[in-house]
């Protein structure tokens, strides 16, 4: 009699998160079936988490059913059946909070899960067969490997895709300060070669990438949002994992993200780009052979700061819709696809007051074949789950805490424990850890399990991130700001850009400063504006203070002039500078009345 044959199928997920600050790509190896990739960087730039497949073995039988069949005589059949069922202990009770923009309701959900795996042994005179189906694997991470992206490279986004057709996923990373795209080729033993880089445009500051075959040659190409270059770049794969020179397509100001899918039903993948500072979404249609045509932009409300685009059919009409995070609007926004590559009916769903959503993932988490929205709420330090109610509608979010002041930066959804239920993985940028929420199976999740990303990986120190809240306006102000006056004072805003000041501000951002202090009398506005324009931190994460003095007779016009020189849409704090009113033609009372307009 031949020995039983055991067939084991294990799904393995690799998760990529950008949360850390040592300028390197980090691979954390998991005992069992999963690896996690994070980014060590010098600032808190939104990224994404990417999945791949590996196949290490694991087998555990929880429930066993044995059937023994003996060869029958000519007129009789005898069957003996024995069944044993073992139930695992129920998971702990979980408390979740359901919120709308005006109401908070608390609900406690206690769920008991029975995990059963069946082994069937059929014995005859001819053969014997054993089939085993695995129970959920253990989620344990043991080691981390680091791969340098170069000094001062500032890696901000990473993807995992096999780009050289060797059936091994490679690492592709956007190095913002390095102005290049880095590729780490996967070796046969699961480690990675030294980085190979491909230049982007000078001062383009690549921020977000997607890896998709766009010219129908079965070779994945790289599409990148160049935040500083105001463009989308396309690098076509030549077939061996090498890429042709970047081709640039203009976009609006400061593109913050790209997504790729066929939006006009012509079987060619198109590009959708979010322009955070300009509050617009662009659609770039594929016209074949890797060439694209820019279409009219879609406006979103002023100050929404759209980012992290996703292209998923959320209303079951077979056309991918545009879903974005609106950090300035404290909401998720959706443009519905009309079917021909044009988009209509801008709709928003609240993520809570002052939540500042930074990243989204769109996946069916409750098994009803409708994609749900999972969002990382940076400011309120939680993850929100918005279940799809059908026809493009979503239920109010259910929130899960990621820890006090954890500032979740990036979120992704994948089955991390091999139970065929998508789990939530989140990068907690202010807590040096990755958080995992295991799915009960019905779209509710267990409390967060945290895995450290290593000492010194916080994107900024507690001192830099400390804030105070003004009692009147409830404005949150970073306690420590970076001054741009005394050392850099010129008194003349018409002077050329001070490159030394620009570099100094970039360095301040890299070590955690987010508050810039300026004034019209310093004469540094144009240099500050250049520093803001040529970096990749979203505007809504910066706090800009400016002060009026020279043009105090017309405060409104003075403010407009400052905004023009800085190249931004709004100031976070606008002050009267050293009110020496004995030197002015206007009284303090008159000036203050203008400030209150």
Protein backbone atom coordinates (compact mmCIF):
# COMPACT_ATOMS: atom_id res chain seq x y z
CA UNK A 1 0.00 0.00 0.00
CA UNK A 2 1.41 3.47 -0.99
CA UNK A 3 1.97 6.11 1.68
CA UNK A 4 -0.64 8.88 2.07
CA UNK A 5 -0.06 11.97 -0.03
CA UNK A 6 -0.48 15.32 1.72
CA UNK A 7 -1.39 18.35 -0.34
CA UNK A 8 -0.87 21.63 1.49
CA UNK A 9 -1.79 25.05 0.16
CA UNK A 10 -0.45 28.07 1.96
CA UNK A 11 -1.11 31.68 0.97
CA UNK A 12 1.77 34.02 1.86
CA UNK A 13 1.48 37.76 1.98
CA UNK A 14 4.26 40.33 1.93
CA UNK A 15 3.38 43.75 3.32
CA UNK A 16 5.27 46.95 2.56
CA UNK A 17 4.98 50.02 4.83
CA UNK A 18 6.84 53.29 4.93
CA UNK A 19 7.27 54.35 8.58
CA UNK A 20 10.91 54.69 9.63
CA UNK A 21 13.96 56.98 9.39
CA UNK A 22 17.32 55.35 8.74
CA UNK A 23 17.34 55.72 4.94
CA UNK A 24 17.11 52.07 4.03
CA UNK A 25 14.68 49.40 2.93
CA UNK A 26 14.04 46.92 5.75
CA UNK A 27 12.92 43.32 5.22
CA UNK A 28 11.48 41.66 8.34
CA UNK A 29 11.48 37.89 8.07
CA UNK A 30 8.61 35.99 9.64
CA UNK A 31 8.83 32.49 11.03
CA UNK A 32 6.25 30.57 9.08
CA UNK A 33 4.78 32.22 6.04
CA UNK A 34 4.95 36.00 5.94
CA UNK A 35 7.54 38.72 5.41
CA UNK A 36 7.00 42.45 5.92
CA UNK A 37 8.91 45.19 4.12
CA UNK A 38 9.12 48.67 5.63
CA UNK A 39 10.95 51.84 4.67
CA UNK A 40 13.46 53.58 6.90
CA UNK A 41 13.28 57.25 5.96
CA UNK A 42 13.96 60.67 7.35
CA UNK A 43 10.42 61.99 7.20
CA UNK A 44 6.81 60.91 7.30
CA UNK A 45 5.77 60.50 3.70
CA UNK A 46 2.70 58.49 2.78
CA UNK A 47 3.39 55.17 1.21
CA UNK A 48 1.62 51.94 0.43
CA UNK A 49 1.78 48.34 1.38
CA UNK A 50 2.25 45.75 -1.34
CA UNK A 51 1.62 42.02 -1.45
CA UNK A 52 3.33 39.07 -3.04
CA UNK A 53 3.26 35.26 -2.77
CA UNK A 54 5.72 32.82 -1.23
CA UNK A 55 5.17 29.13 -0.47
CA UNK A 56 6.78 27.91 2.77
CA UNK A 57 5.02 24.82 4.22
CA UNK A 58 2.92 24.70 7.39
CA UNK A 59 0.36 22.09 8.44
CA UNK A 60 -1.79 21.79 11.56
CA UNK A 61 -4.84 19.51 11.83
CA UNK A 62 -7.51 20.77 14.19
CA UNK A 63 -10.43 18.56 13.20
CA UNK A 64 -9.94 15.01 11.96
CA UNK A 65 -12.45 12.87 10.12
CA UNK A 66 -11.32 9.32 9.27
CA UNK A 67 -13.24 7.11 6.86
CA UNK A 68 -12.11 3.47 6.39
CA UNK A 69 -13.59 1.50 3.50
CA UNK A 70 -12.85 -2.24 3.25
CA UNK A 71 -13.14 -4.18 -0.03
CA UNK A 72 -16.76 -5.42 -0.20
CA UNK A 73 -17.84 -9.05 -0.80
CA UNK A 74 -20.03 -9.62 -3.90
CA UNK A 75 -23.34 -8.77 -2.19
CA UNK A 76 -22.46 -6.75 0.95
CA UNK A 77 -20.83 -3.42 1.87
CA UNK A 78 -19.42 -2.53 5.28
CA UNK A 79 -18.42 1.06 6.25
CA UNK A 80 -16.92 2.16 9.56
CA UNK A 81 -16.94 5.94 10.32
CA UNK A 82 -15.30 7.72 13.22
CA UNK A 83 -15.37 11.53 13.65
CA UNK A 84 -13.56 13.73 16.16
CA UNK A 85 -14.14 17.51 16.38
CA UNK A 86 -11.87 19.85 18.32
CA UNK A 87 -12.92 23.48 18.84
CA UNK A 88 -10.37 26.21 19.41
CA UNK A 89 -10.95 28.67 22.30
CA UNK A 90 -12.95 31.75 21.24
CA UNK A 91 -11.03 34.97 20.60
CA UNK A 92 -11.39 37.73 23.18
CA UNK A 93 -14.27 40.16 23.11
CA UNK A 94 -13.56 43.17 20.95
CA UNK A 95 -14.83 46.71 21.40
CA UNK A 96 -15.24 48.85 18.32
CA UNK A 97 -16.50 52.40 17.98
CA UNK A 98 -18.90 53.46 15.24
CA UNK A 99 -18.81 57.15 14.38
CA UNK A 100 -20.42 59.65 12.08
CA UNK A 101 -19.45 63.28 11.81
CA UNK A 102 -22.02 64.22 14.48
CA UNK A 103 -22.71 61.09 16.54
CA UNK A 104 -20.58 58.58 18.47
CA UNK A 105 -22.04 55.18 19.38
CA UNK A 106 -20.12 52.44 21.22
CA UNK A 107 -20.85 48.79 20.56
CA UNK A 108 -19.30 45.65 22.03
CA UNK A 109 -19.00 42.61 19.81
CA UNK A 110 -18.05 39.22 21.21
CA UNK A 111 -17.23 36.65 18.57
CA UNK A 112 -16.48 32.95 18.93
CA UNK A 113 -14.71 31.29 16.03
CA UNK A 114 -14.62 27.56 15.40
CA UNK A 115 -11.72 26.50 13.21
CA UNK A 116 -12.05 23.04 11.70
CA UNK A 117 -9.69 21.23 9.39
CA UNK A 118 -10.55 17.83 7.97
CA UNK A 119 -8.28 14.92 7.12
CA UNK A 120 -9.93 12.14 5.14
CA UNK A 121 -8.20 8.75 4.87
CA UNK A 122 -9.74 6.35 2.36
CA UNK A 123 -8.25 2.86 2.40
CA UNK A 124 -8.81 0.32 -0.35
CA UNK A 125 -6.77 -2.49 -1.83
CA UNK A 126 -5.62 -0.07 -4.54
CA UNK A 127 -4.53 3.17 -2.80
CA UNK A 128 -4.52 5.30 0.32
CA UNK A 129 -4.88 9.13 0.19
CA UNK A 130 -4.65 11.84 2.87
CA UNK A 131 -5.77 15.47 2.26
CA UNK A 132 -4.97 18.19 4.79
CA UNK A 133 -6.35 21.74 4.86
CA UNK A 134 -4.41 24.18 7.05
CA UNK A 135 -5.63 26.08 10.06
CA UNK A 136 -4.58 29.76 10.37
CA UNK A 137 -0.82 30.11 10.61
CA UNK A 138 0.83 31.95 13.48
CA UNK A 139 1.73 35.61 12.90
CA UNK A 140 5.28 35.95 14.17
CA UNK A 141 8.12 38.14 12.89
CA UNK A 142 11.67 37.40 13.93
CA UNK A 143 14.44 39.14 12.00
CA UNK A 144 14.92 42.23 9.87
CA UNK A 145 17.35 42.74 7.01
CA UNK A 146 18.35 46.23 5.88
CA UNK A 147 19.18 47.33 2.34
CA UNK A 148 20.64 50.80 1.83
CA UNK A 149 18.98 53.19 -0.60
CA UNK A 150 21.89 55.62 -0.40
CA UNK A 151 22.80 58.61 1.79
CA UNK A 152 20.10 61.29 2.04
CA UNK A 153 17.98 59.35 -0.47
CA UNK A 154 14.73 59.64 1.52
CA UNK A 155 12.84 56.51 0.35
CA UNK A 156 9.14 57.27 0.55
CA UNK A 157 7.32 54.51 -1.33
CA UNK A 158 8.01 50.86 -2.06
CA UNK A 159 6.45 48.17 -4.25
CA UNK A 160 7.06 44.44 -4.62
CA UNK A 161 6.80 42.99 -8.14
CA UNK A 162 8.70 40.49 -10.27
CA UNK A 163 10.15 42.79 -12.93
CA UNK A 164 12.70 40.46 -14.56
CA UNK A 165 10.50 37.38 -15.08
CA UNK A 166 12.37 35.03 -12.73
CA UNK A 167 9.31 34.27 -10.58
CA UNK A 168 10.84 36.12 -7.62
CA UNK A 169 9.37 39.47 -6.48
CA UNK A 170 11.78 42.40 -6.55
CA UNK A 171 11.75 45.63 -4.53
CA UNK A 172 11.07 48.92 -6.34
CA UNK A 173 11.44 52.09 -4.27
CA UNK A 174 10.92 55.84 -4.85
CA UNK A 175 13.92 57.74 -3.45
CA UNK A 176 12.56 61.27 -3.12
CA UNK A 177 15.68 63.25 -2.25
CA UNK A 178 17.76 61.00 -4.48
CA UNK A 179 15.53 61.90 -7.45
CA UNK A 180 15.62 58.31 -8.63
CA UNK A 181 13.82 54.98 -8.67
CA UNK A 182 15.70 52.15 -6.97
CA UNK A 183 15.40 48.44 -7.80
CA UNK A 184 16.59 45.57 -5.57
CA UNK A 185 16.60 42.30 -7.49
CA UNK A 186 15.56 39.22 -5.54
CA UNK A 187 18.20 36.49 -5.28
CA UNK A 188 17.32 32.81 -5.28
CA UNK A 189 17.62 32.53 -1.50
CA UNK A 190 15.14 35.32 -0.78
CA UNK A 191 17.71 38.06 -0.22
CA UNK A 192 18.29 41.07 -2.48
CA UNK A 193 21.12 42.43 -4.59
CA UNK A 194 22.50 45.94 -4.13
CA UNK A 195 20.22 48.68 -5.43
CA UNK A 196 20.21 49.66 -9.11
CA UNK A 197 18.90 53.20 -9.68
CA UNK A 198 17.14 54.89 -12.59
CA UNK A 199 17.20 58.71 -12.63
CA UNK A 200 14.06 60.77 -12.54
CA UNK A 201 13.99 64.43 -13.52
CA UNK A 202 16.24 66.78 -11.50
CA UNK A 203 14.37 68.02 -8.43
CA UNK A 204 11.40 65.86 -9.37
CA UNK A 205 11.20 64.29 -5.89
CA UNK A 206 9.41 61.04 -6.83
CA UNK A 207 6.79 60.24 -4.22
CA UNK A 208 4.47 57.43 -5.32
CA UNK A 209 4.83 54.53 -7.76
CA UNK A 210 2.75 51.88 -9.46
CA UNK A 211 4.21 48.86 -11.29
CA UNK A 212 1.95 47.69 -14.15
CA UNK A 213 2.40 46.52 -17.75
CA UNK A 214 1.12 49.52 -19.70
CA UNK A 215 2.25 48.63 -23.26
CA UNK A 216 0.92 45.08 -23.49
CA UNK A 217 4.28 43.30 -23.72
CA UNK A 218 3.82 41.26 -20.51
CA UNK A 219 6.62 43.17 -18.79
CA UNK A 220 5.75 45.32 -15.76
CA UNK A 221 6.58 49.01 -16.23
CA UNK A 222 7.07 51.71 -13.58
CA UNK A 223 4.76 54.72 -13.28
CA UNK A 224 5.83 57.42 -10.81
CA UNK A 225 4.30 60.62 -9.43
CA UNK A 226 7.01 63.32 -9.38
CA UNK A 227 5.87 65.61 -6.58
CA UNK A 228 8.47 68.31 -7.21
CA UNK A 229 8.52 67.98 -10.98
CA UNK A 230 4.75 68.39 -11.40
CA UNK A 231 4.69 65.37 -13.68
CA UNK A 232 4.01 61.66 -14.02
CA UNK A 233 6.94 59.61 -15.25
CA UNK A 234 6.79 56.32 -17.17
CA UNK A 235 9.75 53.89 -17.29
CA UNK A 236 9.18 51.09 -19.82
CA UNK A 237 10.63 47.67 -19.03
CA UNK A 238 12.97 46.36 -21.75
CA UNK A 239 12.42 42.76 -20.75
CA UNK A 240 15.35 41.86 -18.51
CA UNK A 241 14.39 44.06 -15.59
CA UNK A 242 16.18 47.05 -17.12
CA UNK A 243 14.22 50.20 -17.91
CA UNK A 244 14.30 52.79 -20.66
CA UNK A 245 14.75 56.50 -19.86
CA UNK A 246 11.83 58.13 -18.11
CA UNK A 247 9.06 59.70 -20.23
CA UNK A 248 7.32 62.64 -18.54
CA UNK A 249 3.69 63.78 -18.75
CA UNK A 250 2.69 67.11 -17.15
CA UNK A 251 0.19 67.20 -14.30
CA UNK A 252 -1.11 69.79 -11.88
CA UNK A 253 0.94 71.09 -8.95
CA UNK A 254 2.56 68.51 -6.68
CA UNK A 255 1.16 65.14 -7.78
CA UNK A 256 0.88 63.02 -4.65
CA UNK A 257 -0.21 59.63 -6.00
CA UNK A 258 -0.92 57.49 -9.06
CA UNK A 259 -3.17 54.53 -9.78
CA UNK A 260 -3.32 52.47 -12.98
CA UNK A 261 -6.32 50.63 -14.49
CA UNK A 262 -8.35 50.56 -17.68
CA UNK A 263 -10.94 53.30 -17.04
CA UNK A 264 -12.45 53.61 -20.54
CA UNK A 265 -12.93 49.93 -21.39
CA UNK A 266 -10.44 49.79 -24.29
CA UNK A 267 -8.27 47.07 -22.68
CA UNK A 268 -5.38 49.50 -22.17
CA UNK A 269 -4.39 50.57 -18.63
CA UNK A 270 -4.78 54.30 -17.96
CA UNK A 271 -3.25 56.53 -15.29
CA UNK A 272 -5.10 58.51 -12.62
CA UNK A 273 -3.08 61.08 -10.65
CA UNK A 274 -3.97 63.11 -7.55
CA UNK A 275 -2.61 66.65 -7.31
CA UNK A 276 -2.65 67.46 -3.63
CA UNK A 277 -1.85 71.16 -3.59
CA UNK A 278 -3.96 71.98 -6.65
CA UNK A 279 -6.99 70.02 -5.38
CA UNK A 280 -7.49 68.27 -8.71
CA UNK A 281 -7.51 64.72 -10.06
CA UNK A 282 -6.06 64.03 -13.50
CA UNK A 283 -6.86 61.22 -15.93
CA UNK A 284 -4.20 60.26 -18.50
CA UNK A 285 -5.58 57.90 -21.12
CA UNK A 286 -3.44 55.20 -22.72
CA UNK A 287 -3.41 55.63 -26.53
CA UNK A 288 -1.30 52.52 -27.13
CA UNK A 289 2.38 51.53 -27.32
CA UNK A 290 3.11 53.11 -23.94
CA UNK A 291 1.94 56.58 -25.01
CA UNK A 292 -0.61 58.67 -23.08
CA UNK A 293 -2.95 61.61 -23.62
CA UNK A 294 -3.80 64.02 -20.81
CA UNK A 295 -7.52 64.60 -20.29
CA UNK A 296 -9.35 67.46 -18.50
CA UNK A 297 -8.84 67.59 -14.74
CA UNK A 298 -11.54 66.95 -12.14
CA UNK A 299 -11.80 69.57 -9.40
CA UNK A 300 -12.33 68.69 -5.74
CA UNK A 301 -13.24 71.17 -3.00
CA UNK A 302 -10.60 73.71 -2.01
CA UNK A 303 -8.18 72.52 0.67
CA UNK A 304 -9.11 68.83 0.48
CA UNK A 305 -5.54 67.86 -0.48
CA UNK A 306 -6.47 64.66 -2.36
CA UNK A 307 -4.01 61.75 -2.11
CA UNK A 308 -3.61 57.96 -2.25
CA UNK A 309 -5.81 57.23 -5.32
CA UNK A 310 -7.37 53.79 -5.78
CA UNK A 311 -9.16 52.49 -8.89
CA UNK A 312 -11.81 49.95 -7.87
CA UNK A 313 -15.38 49.28 -8.98
CA UNK A 314 -17.32 50.10 -5.81
CA UNK A 315 -20.85 50.23 -7.27
CA UNK A 316 -20.86 46.94 -9.20
CA UNK A 317 -21.20 48.40 -12.71
CA UNK A 318 -17.96 46.81 -14.02
CA UNK A 319 -16.23 50.23 -14.34
CA UNK A 320 -13.39 51.21 -11.96
CA UNK A 321 -14.18 54.27 -9.86
CA UNK A 322 -11.72 56.75 -8.34
CA UNK A 323 -11.43 56.61 -4.54
CA UNK A 324 -9.16 59.07 -2.73
CA UNK A 325 -8.25 60.20 0.79
CA UNK A 326 -9.07 63.84 1.56
CA UNK A 327 -6.81 64.78 4.51
CA UNK A 328 -7.91 68.41 4.40
CA UNK A 329 -11.57 67.45 4.08
CA UNK A 330 -11.56 64.74 6.77
CA UNK A 331 -13.24 62.37 4.36
CA UNK A 332 -13.02 59.75 1.63
CA UNK A 333 -13.96 61.01 -1.84
CA UNK A 334 -15.33 59.02 -4.79
CA UNK A 335 -15.72 59.93 -8.46
CA UNK A 336 -17.94 57.36 -10.18
CA UNK A 337 -16.95 56.13 -13.64
CA UNK A 338 -19.58 56.78 -16.30
CA UNK A 339 -18.18 53.90 -18.37
CA UNK A 340 -16.23 55.77 -21.03
CA UNK A 341 -13.37 57.08 -18.92
CA UNK A 342 -15.16 60.20 -17.66
CA UNK A 343 -16.15 60.57 -14.02
CA UNK A 344 -19.20 62.05 -12.34
CA UNK A 345 -21.03 62.48 -9.03
CA UNK A 346 -18.29 63.47 -6.57
CA UNK A 347 -19.36 61.93 -3.24
CA UNK A 348 -17.68 62.06 0.17
CA UNK A 349 -17.90 59.91 3.28
CA UNK A 350 -16.78 61.30 6.64
CA UNK A 351 -13.76 59.90 8.47
CA UNK A 352 -14.43 61.98 11.58
CA UNK A 353 -13.66 65.48 12.74
CA UNK A 354 -9.98 66.46 12.41
CA UNK A 355 -9.12 62.88 11.37
CA UNK A 356 -6.81 63.77 8.44
CA UNK A 357 -6.97 60.47 6.53
CA UNK A 358 -3.57 59.67 5.03
CA UNK A 359 -4.00 56.34 3.24
CA UNK A 360 -6.75 54.02 2.03
CA UNK A 361 -7.17 50.46 0.81
CA UNK A 362 -10.27 49.18 -0.99
CA UNK A 363 -10.93 45.46 -0.39
CA UNK A 364 -13.92 43.24 0.49
CA UNK A 365 -13.36 42.50 4.20
CA UNK A 366 -16.70 40.93 5.13
CA UNK A 367 -17.14 38.38 2.35
CA UNK A 368 -20.16 39.93 0.62
CA UNK A 369 -18.34 40.50 -2.71
CA UNK A 370 -18.57 44.27 -2.33
CA UNK A 371 -15.30 46.20 -1.86
CA UNK A 372 -15.08 48.06 1.44
CA UNK A 373 -12.90 51.05 2.33
CA UNK A 374 -10.23 50.90 5.03
CA UNK A 375 -8.61 54.21 5.99
CA UNK A 376 -5.68 55.25 8.17
CA UNK A 377 -6.73 58.37 10.10
CA UNK A 378 -3.44 60.08 10.87
CA UNK A 379 -4.58 62.82 13.25
CA UNK A 380 -7.02 60.75 15.34
CA UNK A 381 -4.69 57.71 15.48
CA UNK A 382 -7.13 55.05 14.36
CA UNK A 383 -8.13 52.88 11.43
CA UNK A 384 -11.62 53.28 10.00
CA UNK A 385 -13.61 50.55 8.23
CA UNK A 386 -16.42 51.70 5.92
CA UNK A 387 -18.48 48.71 4.79
CA UNK A 388 -20.01 48.84 1.33
CA UNK A 389 -23.81 49.00 1.50
CA UNK A 390 -24.24 48.61 -2.27
CA UNK A 391 -24.86 51.03 -5.14
CA UNK A 392 -21.83 53.13 -4.23
CA UNK A 393 -23.01 53.79 -0.66
CA UNK A 394 -20.99 53.07 2.47
CA UNK A 395 -21.93 52.67 6.12
CA UNK A 396 -20.52 55.02 8.72
CA UNK A 397 -16.99 54.04 9.63
CA UNK A 398 -16.17 51.70 12.48
CA UNK A 399 -12.90 52.77 14.08
CA UNK A 400 -10.12 50.75 15.70
CA UNK A 401 -7.49 52.50 17.78
CA UNK A 402 -3.86 52.25 16.68
CA UNK A 403 -2.62 53.68 19.97
CA UNK A 404 -2.40 57.17 21.46
CA UNK A 405 -0.62 59.59 19.11
CA UNK A 406 0.53 56.65 16.92
CA UNK A 407 -0.17 58.63 13.72
CA UNK A 408 -0.91 55.78 11.27
CA UNK A 409 0.66 56.74 7.97
CA UNK A 410 -0.13 53.88 5.62
CA UNK A 411 -2.65 51.03 5.53
CA UNK A 412 -3.07 47.89 3.47
CA UNK A 413 -5.38 44.88 3.58
CA UNK A 414 -4.24 41.29 3.01
CA UNK A 415 -4.70 37.85 4.55
CA UNK A 416 -1.68 37.78 6.87
CA UNK A 417 -2.53 34.60 8.82
CA UNK A 418 -3.66 32.22 6.06
CA UNK A 419 -7.33 31.95 7.09
CA UNK A 420 -8.73 33.39 3.84
CA UNK A 421 -9.93 36.52 5.67
CA UNK A 422 -8.28 39.84 4.74
CA UNK A 423 -6.57 41.50 7.69
CA UNK A 424 -5.51 45.13 8.22
CA UNK A 425 -1.83 46.07 8.34
CA UNK A 426 -0.93 49.63 9.33
CA UNK A 427 2.26 51.68 9.68
CA UNK A 428 2.22 53.61 12.99
CA UNK A 429 4.69 56.32 12.07
CA UNK A 430 5.07 57.87 15.51
CA UNK A 431 5.36 54.63 17.48
CA UNK A 432 8.13 52.66 15.75
CA UNK A 433 5.83 49.75 14.97
CA UNK A 434 3.59 47.97 12.50
CA UNK A 435 0.07 47.14 13.67
CA UNK A 436 -1.98 44.13 12.52
CA UNK A 437 -5.73 43.75 13.01
CA UNK A 438 -6.87 40.16 12.38
CA UNK A 439 -10.25 39.76 10.71
CA UNK A 440 -12.99 37.77 12.47
CA UNK A 441 -14.48 37.12 9.03
CA UNK A 442 -17.52 39.38 9.17
CA UNK A 443 -15.72 42.69 8.67
CA UNK A 444 -14.94 43.21 12.35
CA UNK A 445 -11.40 42.95 13.66
CA UNK A 446 -9.47 41.84 16.70
CA UNK A 447 -7.48 44.39 18.73
CA UNK A 448 -4.18 45.50 17.24
CA UNK A 449 -1.08 43.32 17.49
CA UNK A 450 2.08 45.43 17.25
CA UNK A 451 5.53 44.56 15.88
CA UNK A 452 8.46 46.91 16.49
CA UNK A 453 10.32 48.29 13.49
CA UNK A 454 13.48 48.97 15.51
CA UNK A 455 14.91 51.69 17.71
CA UNK A 456 15.49 55.07 16.13
CA UNK A 457 12.94 54.53 13.38
CA UNK A 458 10.50 57.21 14.44
CA UNK A 459 9.98 59.82 11.73
CA UNK A 460 10.38 62.63 14.24
CA UNK A 461 11.24 63.03 17.89
CA UNK A 462 8.55 63.64 20.55
CA UNK A 463 9.85 67.16 21.07
CA UNK A 464 9.32 68.10 17.42
CA UNK A 465 5.84 66.55 17.31
CA UNK A 466 4.57 68.14 20.54
CA UNK A 467 1.64 70.50 19.95
CA UNK A 468 -0.64 72.92 21.77
CA UNK A 469 -4.26 73.68 20.92
CA UNK A 470 -5.49 77.29 20.88
CA UNK A 471 -8.49 77.71 23.15
CA UNK A 472 -10.39 79.99 20.79
CA UNK A 473 -9.97 78.52 17.31
CA UNK A 474 -8.96 74.97 18.37
CA UNK A 475 -6.02 75.32 15.99
CA UNK A 476 -3.28 72.76 16.72
CA UNK A 477 0.15 74.45 16.70
CA UNK A 478 3.51 72.61 16.79
CA UNK A 479 5.32 73.90 19.87
CA UNK A 480 8.72 74.22 18.18
CA UNK A 481 9.04 76.11 14.90
CA UNK A 482 11.96 76.68 12.54
CA UNK A 483 12.86 80.37 12.31
CA UNK A 484 13.63 81.97 8.95
CA UNK A 485 14.38 85.51 10.10
CA UNK A 486 17.49 86.47 12.07
CA UNK A 487 20.15 84.46 10.21
CA UNK A 488 18.52 84.82 6.79
CA UNK A 489 17.18 88.38 7.08
CA UNK A 490 17.39 90.41 3.87
CA UNK A 491 14.43 92.75 4.20
CA UNK A 492 13.70 92.48 0.47
CA UNK A 493 11.37 89.83 -0.92
CA UNK A 494 12.40 90.66 -4.48
CA UNK A 495 15.91 89.25 -4.01
CA UNK A 496 16.89 85.93 -5.67
CA UNK A 497 16.19 82.65 -3.92
CA UNK A 498 18.64 81.91 -1.11
CA UNK A 499 19.73 78.33 -1.84
CA UNK A 500 21.37 78.03 1.58
CA UNK A 501 18.07 78.82 3.28
CA UNK A 502 16.23 76.32 1.04
CA UNK A 503 18.68 73.56 1.96
CA UNK A 504 18.46 74.52 5.63
CA UNK A 505 14.66 74.19 5.59
CA UNK A 506 14.91 70.81 3.88
CA UNK A 507 17.28 69.67 6.61
CA UNK A 508 14.84 70.95 9.26
CA UNK A 509 12.05 68.93 7.66
CA UNK A 510 14.25 65.83 7.58
CA UNK A 511 14.79 65.90 11.35
CA UNK A 512 11.14 66.45 12.17
CA UNK A 513 10.31 70.17 12.02
CA UNK A 514 6.87 70.90 10.61
CA UNK A 515 6.37 74.51 11.76
CA UNK A 516 7.99 77.33 9.73
CA UNK A 517 8.04 80.85 11.16
CA UNK A 518 8.23 83.65 8.56
CA UNK A 519 7.41 87.34 8.20
CA UNK A 520 7.06 89.75 5.31
CA UNK A 521 9.79 92.00 6.74
CA UNK A 522 12.38 89.16 6.69
CA UNK A 523 12.49 89.16 2.89
CA UNK A 524 12.66 85.35 2.82
CA UNK A 525 9.20 84.44 1.50
CA UNK A 526 10.32 83.41 -2.01
CA UNK A 527 13.08 81.17 -0.61
CA UNK A 528 10.64 79.57 1.84
CA UNK A 529 8.19 79.02 -1.01
CA UNK A 530 10.91 77.28 -3.02
CA UNK A 531 11.75 75.06 -0.04
CA UNK A 532 8.08 74.07 0.36
CA UNK A 533 7.66 73.43 -3.37
CA UNK A 534 10.76 71.23 -3.68
CA UNK A 535 10.01 68.73 -0.93
CA UNK A 536 7.43 65.99 -0.58
CA UNK A 537 5.74 66.52 2.79
CA UNK A 538 2.02 67.18 2.19
CA UNK A 539 0.97 70.79 2.75
CA UNK A 540 -1.60 69.82 5.37
CA UNK A 541 1.19 68.37 7.54
CA UNK A 542 3.06 71.68 7.60
CA UNK A 543 2.23 74.65 9.80
CA UNK A 544 3.17 78.00 8.21
CA UNK A 545 3.22 81.20 10.26
CA UNK A 546 3.69 84.64 8.70
CA UNK A 547 3.42 88.17 10.03
CA UNK A 548 2.36 91.55 8.64
CA UNK A 549 4.20 94.78 9.38
CA UNK A 550 5.34 96.76 6.33
CA UNK A 551 1.95 96.70 4.59
CA UNK A 552 -0.25 96.85 7.64
CA UNK A 553 -2.44 99.56 6.11
CA UNK A 554 -3.95 96.90 3.84
CA UNK A 555 -3.77 93.62 5.71
CA UNK A 556 -5.87 91.63 3.25
CA UNK A 557 -3.67 92.57 0.29
CA UNK A 558 -0.55 91.94 2.38
CA UNK A 559 -1.78 88.42 3.06
CA UNK A 560 -2.49 87.77 -0.63
CA UNK A 561 1.02 89.00 -1.51
CA UNK A 562 2.57 86.65 1.07
CA UNK A 563 0.61 83.69 -0.29
CA UNK A 564 1.74 84.50 -3.81
CA UNK A 565 5.41 84.66 -2.80
CA UNK A 566 5.14 81.40 -0.81
CA UNK A 567 3.22 79.65 -3.60
CA UNK A 568 0.62 78.23 -1.20
CA UNK A 569 -3.14 78.60 -0.82
CA UNK A 570 -3.43 79.46 2.86
CA UNK A 571 -1.53 80.39 6.03
CA UNK A 572 -2.02 78.46 9.26
CA UNK A 573 -1.28 81.52 11.42
CA UNK A 574 -1.32 85.22 10.37
CA UNK A 575 -0.03 87.68 12.98
CA UNK A 576 0.58 91.38 13.46
CA UNK A 577 4.36 91.69 13.71
CA UNK A 578 5.83 93.74 16.54
CA UNK A 579 3.06 96.36 16.61
CA UNK A 580 5.19 99.55 16.64
CA UNK A 581 2.17 101.64 15.86
CA UNK A 582 3.91 104.88 16.58
CA UNK A 583 5.69 104.24 13.23
CA UNK A 584 2.53 103.43 11.27
CA UNK A 585 -0.31 105.47 9.81
CA UNK A 586 -2.87 103.03 11.20
CA UNK A 587 -3.90 102.37 14.77
CA UNK A 588 -3.76 98.96 16.44
CA UNK A 589 -7.56 98.95 16.68
CA UNK A 590 -7.94 99.62 12.97
CA UNK A 591 -5.42 96.91 12.09
CA UNK A 592 -7.14 94.39 14.35
CA UNK A 593 -10.51 95.03 12.72
CA UNK A 594 -8.96 94.15 9.37
CA UNK A 595 -7.50 90.96 10.85
CA UNK A 596 -10.97 89.89 12.01
CA UNK A 597 -12.49 90.05 8.53
